[in-house]
Amino acid sequence: MGGVRLGVLGGSFNPIHFGHLHIARSCQRLFSLSQVHFVVAGSPPHKSAEEMIPFVHRYAMVCLATSRKPSFVPSLIELEPDASPFSVDTLRKLACHVPRSKGVFYFIAGGDSLNEVKSWRESETLLATYNFIFVLRPGASMEDPKDVLPVRSLPLVRNLCGLGRVQIQHRIAVEERSGENRIYIVDIDAPDISATKIRTLAGAGKSIKSAVPAPARDYIRKLNLYGER
């Protein structure tokens, strides 16, 4: 498939951290992505609003953290008409900007999201229309795809865990020759970083230097986003 190879990494980014950036870089290398769009969620349907800071701050931190990487693109697509928190709507809007005849989409999500994807809006359509990359993350469990995915989606699953970088890239190239979408599961040694822990540390006035890029870290401190106590 020629043209643009677009990765879509969605999340609340509350806040963005090195784990997100590691996933984006690793997937970009493995899947030869032209760009990775960081789609900041307005009101994530699977997240509690209790600790969610305003969208404008989460988007600003994504802009700051990705400013030195031109191929990492902060995205407001979720807010474009008609505003929707659902992945199927986000990808449809992105597809209007980059027609499928001119590119290919890869939706990037944590491996734990595989457990709940069946409950996503129009999940079968979503999985059949776009490529998915589910990334294993430390401390997060992932069920057997047979137990959590729609039955029609199971033939699309390709588990690439345990393979080296060259092997993974070869497998991806082979799979893409079919012209069909795939659901990839990969292990890229993502760092064990928790946004919840970052918020707790920031709120206690403790260092988050090892978890959050400096520009976003300075922004958090400047505006006291997580209520330092």
Protein backbone atom coordinates (compact mmCIF):
# COMPACT_ATOMS: atom_id res chain seq x y z
CA MET A 1 0.00 0.00 0.00
CA GLY A 2 1.49 3.33 -0.98
CA GLY A 3 0.84 6.87 0.11
CA VAL A 4 0.47 8.11 3.66
CA ARG A 5 0.85 5.60 6.48
CA LEU A 6 -0.93 7.20 9.39
CA GLY A 7 -0.78 6.08 13.00
CA VAL A 8 -3.59 7.23 15.29
CA LEU A 9 -2.81 7.20 19.02
CA GLY A 10 -5.83 8.23 21.03
CA GLY A 11 -6.02 8.90 24.73
CA SER A 12 -6.93 11.26 27.52
CA PHE A 13 -3.23 12.22 27.89
CA ASN A 14 -3.85 13.22 31.51
CA PRO A 15 -0.92 13.90 31.28
CA ILE A 16 1.08 12.77 28.24
CA HIS A 17 4.17 10.86 29.39
CA PHE A 18 7.23 8.97 28.15
CA GLY A 19 5.21 5.77 27.83
CA HIS A 20 2.99 7.38 25.17
CA LEU A 21 6.02 8.69 23.29
CA HIS A 22 7.77 5.31 23.45
CA ILE A 23 4.70 3.59 21.98
CA ALA A 24 4.44 6.19 19.21
CA ARG A 25 8.15 5.95 18.29
CA SER A 26 8.21 2.15 18.36
CA CYS A 27 5.06 1.76 16.26
CA GLN A 28 6.31 4.38 13.83
CA ARG A 29 9.52 2.40 13.27
CA LEU A 30 7.90 -1.04 13.08
CA PHE A 31 5.05 -0.04 10.77
CA SER A 32 6.94 2.65 8.78
CA LEU A 33 4.38 5.29 9.69
CA SER A 34 4.60 8.67 7.97
CA GLN A 35 2.97 10.37 10.94
CA VAL A 36 1.48 9.55 14.30
CA HIS A 37 -1.54 11.67 15.23
CA PHE A 38 -2.09 12.13 18.96
CA VAL A 39 -5.88 12.36 19.23
CA VAL A 40 -6.72 13.99 22.55
CA ALA A 41 -10.03 12.72 23.93
CA GLY A 42 -12.59 15.34 24.87
CA SER A 43 -14.68 13.17 27.18
CA PRO A 44 -13.46 9.55 27.02
CA PRO A 45 -16.49 7.21 27.31
CA HIS A 46 -14.50 4.67 29.35
CA LYS A 47 -12.86 7.16 31.75
CA SER A 48 -14.09 8.73 34.96
CA ALA A 49 -14.39 12.52 34.75
CA GLU A 50 -13.36 12.88 38.38
CA GLU A 51 -9.64 13.46 37.78
CA MET A 52 -9.86 14.70 34.18
CA ILE A 53 -8.37 18.16 33.81
CA PRO A 54 -9.78 20.44 31.05
CA PHE A 55 -9.19 19.44 27.45
CA VAL A 56 -7.28 22.64 26.66
CA HIS A 57 -4.53 21.73 29.15
CA ARG A 58 -4.23 18.12 28.01
CA TYR A 59 -4.00 19.26 24.38
CA ALA A 60 -1.44 21.94 25.27
CA MET A 61 0.78 19.34 26.98
CA VAL A 62 0.61 17.06 23.91
CA CYS A 63 1.67 20.02 21.73
CA LEU A 64 4.59 20.77 24.04
CA ALA A 65 5.73 17.14 24.33
CA THR A 66 5.68 16.53 20.57
CA SER A 67 6.99 19.93 19.40
CA ARG A 68 10.44 18.64 18.40
CA LYS A 69 9.10 15.69 16.41
CA PRO A 70 7.49 16.96 13.16
CA SER A 71 5.93 13.58 12.40
CA PHE A 72 4.08 13.56 15.75
CA VAL A 73 0.92 15.60 15.19
CA PRO A 74 -1.39 16.86 17.97
CA SER A 75 -4.94 16.38 16.73
CA LEU A 76 -8.22 18.18 17.40
CA ILE A 77 -10.11 15.79 15.13
CA GLU A 78 -12.37 14.55 17.91
CA LEU A 79 -13.79 18.05 18.33
CA GLU A 80 -14.53 18.57 14.64
CA PRO A 81 -18.24 18.46 13.70
CA ASP A 82 -19.93 16.33 14.63
CA ALA A 83 -17.96 16.15 17.90
CA SER A 84 -17.87 12.59 19.17
CA PRO A 85 -15.81 10.60 21.72
CA PHE A 86 -16.12 7.36 19.74
CA SER A 87 -13.17 5.91 17.83
CA VAL A 88 -15.25 4.93 14.81
CA ASP A 89 -16.27 8.57 14.30
CA THR A 90 -12.71 9.83 14.83
CA LEU A 91 -11.32 7.51 12.17
CA ARG A 92 -14.09 8.34 9.71
CA LYS A 93 -13.27 12.02 10.04
CA LEU A 94 -9.55 11.36 9.57
CA ALA A 95 -10.36 9.29 6.50
CA CYS A 96 -12.06 12.34 4.99
CA HIS A 97 -8.73 14.20 5.24
CA VAL A 98 -6.70 11.28 3.90
CA PRO A 99 -8.76 9.08 1.55
CA ARG A 100 -8.04 5.37 1.90
CA SER A 101 -7.00 5.27 -1.76
CA LYS A 102 -4.06 7.51 -0.80
CA GLY A 103 -3.02 5.90 2.48
CA VAL A 104 -3.51 3.37 5.23
CA PHE A 105 -4.53 3.86 8.87
CA TYR A 106 -3.22 2.14 11.99
CA PHE A 107 -5.16 2.71 15.20
CA ILE A 108 -2.77 2.31 18.16
CA ALA A 109 -4.09 1.27 21.58
CA GLY A 110 -2.92 -0.41 24.77
CA GLY A 111 -3.22 -4.16 24.97
CA ASP A 112 -5.71 -3.81 27.81
CA SER A 113 -8.05 -2.01 25.39
CA LEU A 114 -8.42 -5.31 23.54
CA ASN A 115 -10.46 -6.54 26.51
CA GLU A 116 -13.09 -3.85 26.01
CA VAL A 117 -13.06 -3.22 22.25
CA LYS A 118 -16.12 -5.43 21.76
CA SER A 119 -18.11 -2.82 23.69
CA TRP A 120 -16.94 0.06 21.49
CA ARG A 121 -19.45 1.65 19.17
CA GLU A 122 -19.69 -0.26 15.86
CA SER A 123 -16.77 -2.43 16.95
CA GLU A 124 -17.13 -4.96 14.11
CA THR A 125 -17.16 -2.20 11.48
CA LEU A 126 -14.22 -0.50 13.15
CA LEU A 127 -12.08 -3.65 13.28
CA ALA A 128 -12.96 -4.63 9.72
CA THR A 129 -12.23 -1.20 8.22
CA TYR A 130 -8.94 -0.14 9.80
CA ASN A 131 -5.69 -1.73 10.95
CA PHE A 132 -5.24 -1.99 14.71
CA ILE A 133 -2.07 -2.21 16.79
CA PHE A 134 -2.61 -3.38 20.37
CA VAL A 135 0.52 -2.75 22.44
CA LEU A 136 1.24 -4.81 25.55
CA ARG A 137 1.91 -2.62 28.56
CA PRO A 138 3.54 -3.52 31.90
CA GLY A 139 1.06 -4.41 34.59
CA ALA A 140 -1.92 -4.52 32.22
CA SER A 141 -3.56 -7.85 31.48
CA MET A 142 -4.76 -8.86 28.03
CA GLU A 143 -7.31 -11.59 27.47
CA ASP A 144 -7.18 -14.21 24.73
CA PRO A 145 -8.56 -12.51 21.57
CA LYS A 146 -10.96 -15.44 21.12
CA ASP A 147 -12.66 -14.46 24.38
CA VAL A 148 -13.02 -10.72 23.80
CA LEU A 149 -13.22 -9.93 20.07
CA PRO A 150 -16.21 -10.24 17.76
CA VAL A 151 -16.10 -13.65 16.06
CA ARG A 152 -15.83 -12.13 12.58
CA SER A 153 -12.69 -10.24 13.61
CA LEU A 154 -10.70 -13.26 14.81
CA PRO A 155 -9.24 -14.18 11.36
CA LEU A 156 -7.66 -10.70 11.27
CA VAL A 157 -5.58 -11.16 14.44
CA ARG A 158 -1.79 -11.44 14.10
CA ASN A 159 0.08 -11.92 17.37
CA LEU A 160 3.65 -10.69 16.84
CA CYS A 161 4.77 -10.91 20.48
CA GLY A 162 8.12 -12.58 21.01
CA LEU A 163 9.45 -11.60 17.58
CA GLY A 164 12.41 -9.29 16.96
CA ARG A 165 12.15 -6.00 15.10
CA VAL A 166 13.30 -7.41 11.75
CA GLN A 167 10.94 -10.38 12.04
CA ILE A 168 8.01 -8.11 12.88
CA GLN A 169 8.70 -5.81 9.95
CA HIS A 170 8.93 -8.80 7.61
CA ARG A 171 5.62 -10.18 8.88
CA ILE A 172 3.93 -6.80 8.45
CA ALA A 173 5.20 -6.54 4.87
CA VAL A 174 3.89 -10.02 4.09
CA GLU A 175 0.48 -9.30 5.65
CA GLU A 176 0.08 -6.03 3.78
CA ARG A 177 0.42 -7.75 0.43
CA SER A 178 -3.07 -9.18 0.96
CA GLY A 179 -4.52 -5.67 0.94
CA GLU A 180 -6.69 -6.58 3.94
CA ASN A 181 -6.76 -4.94 7.34
CA ARG A 182 -5.17 -6.68 10.31
CA ILE A 183 -5.32 -6.61 14.11
CA TYR A 184 -1.72 -6.72 15.32
CA ILE A 185 -0.63 -7.50 18.88
CA VAL A 186 2.91 -6.39 19.69
CA ASP A 187 5.24 -6.17 22.69
CA ILE A 188 7.60 -3.20 22.41
CA ASP A 189 8.99 -3.11 25.97
CA ALA A 190 6.91 -0.09 26.91
CA PRO A 191 8.05 1.54 30.16
CA ASP A 192 5.94 1.00 33.27
CA ILE A 193 4.52 4.50 33.65
CA SER A 194 1.09 5.30 35.07
CA ALA A 195 -0.73 8.59 34.50
CA THR A 196 -2.56 7.99 37.78
CA LYS A 197 0.75 7.75 39.64
CA ILE A 198 2.04 10.88 37.88
CA ARG A 199 -1.00 12.83 39.05
CA THR A 200 -0.52 11.55 42.60
CA LEU A 201 3.17 12.49 42.64
CA ALA A 202 2.50 15.92 41.14
CA GLY A 203 -0.27 16.52 43.66
CA ALA A 204 2.14 15.69 46.49
CA GLY A 205 4.78 18.03 45.11
CA LYS A 206 7.12 15.17 44.22
CA SER A 207 9.30 14.81 41.12
CA ILE A 208 7.80 13.49 37.87
CA LYS A 209 11.03 14.07 35.93
CA SER A 210 11.46 10.41 34.98
CA ALA A 211 7.94 10.12 33.57
CA VAL A 212 6.98 13.38 31.83
CA PRO A 213 8.86 15.37 29.11
CA ALA A 214 10.31 18.62 30.41
CA PRO A 215 8.04 21.06 28.50
CA ALA A 216 4.88 19.29 29.73
CA ARG A 217 6.36 18.94 33.20
CA ASP A 218 7.02 22.69 33.39
CA TYR A 219 3.47 23.36 32.21
CA ILE A 220 2.04 21.15 34.96
CA ARG A 221 4.14 22.90 37.60
CA LYS A 222 3.42 26.40 36.28
CA LEU A 223 -0.36 25.98 36.37
CA ASN A 224 -0.45 23.57 39.32
CA LEU A 225 -2.66 21.30 37.21
CA TYR A 226 -2.88 18.42 39.63
CA GLY A 227 -3.43 20.43 42.79
CA GLU A 228 -0.13 20.30 44.63
CA ARG A 229 -0.87 19.86 48.31
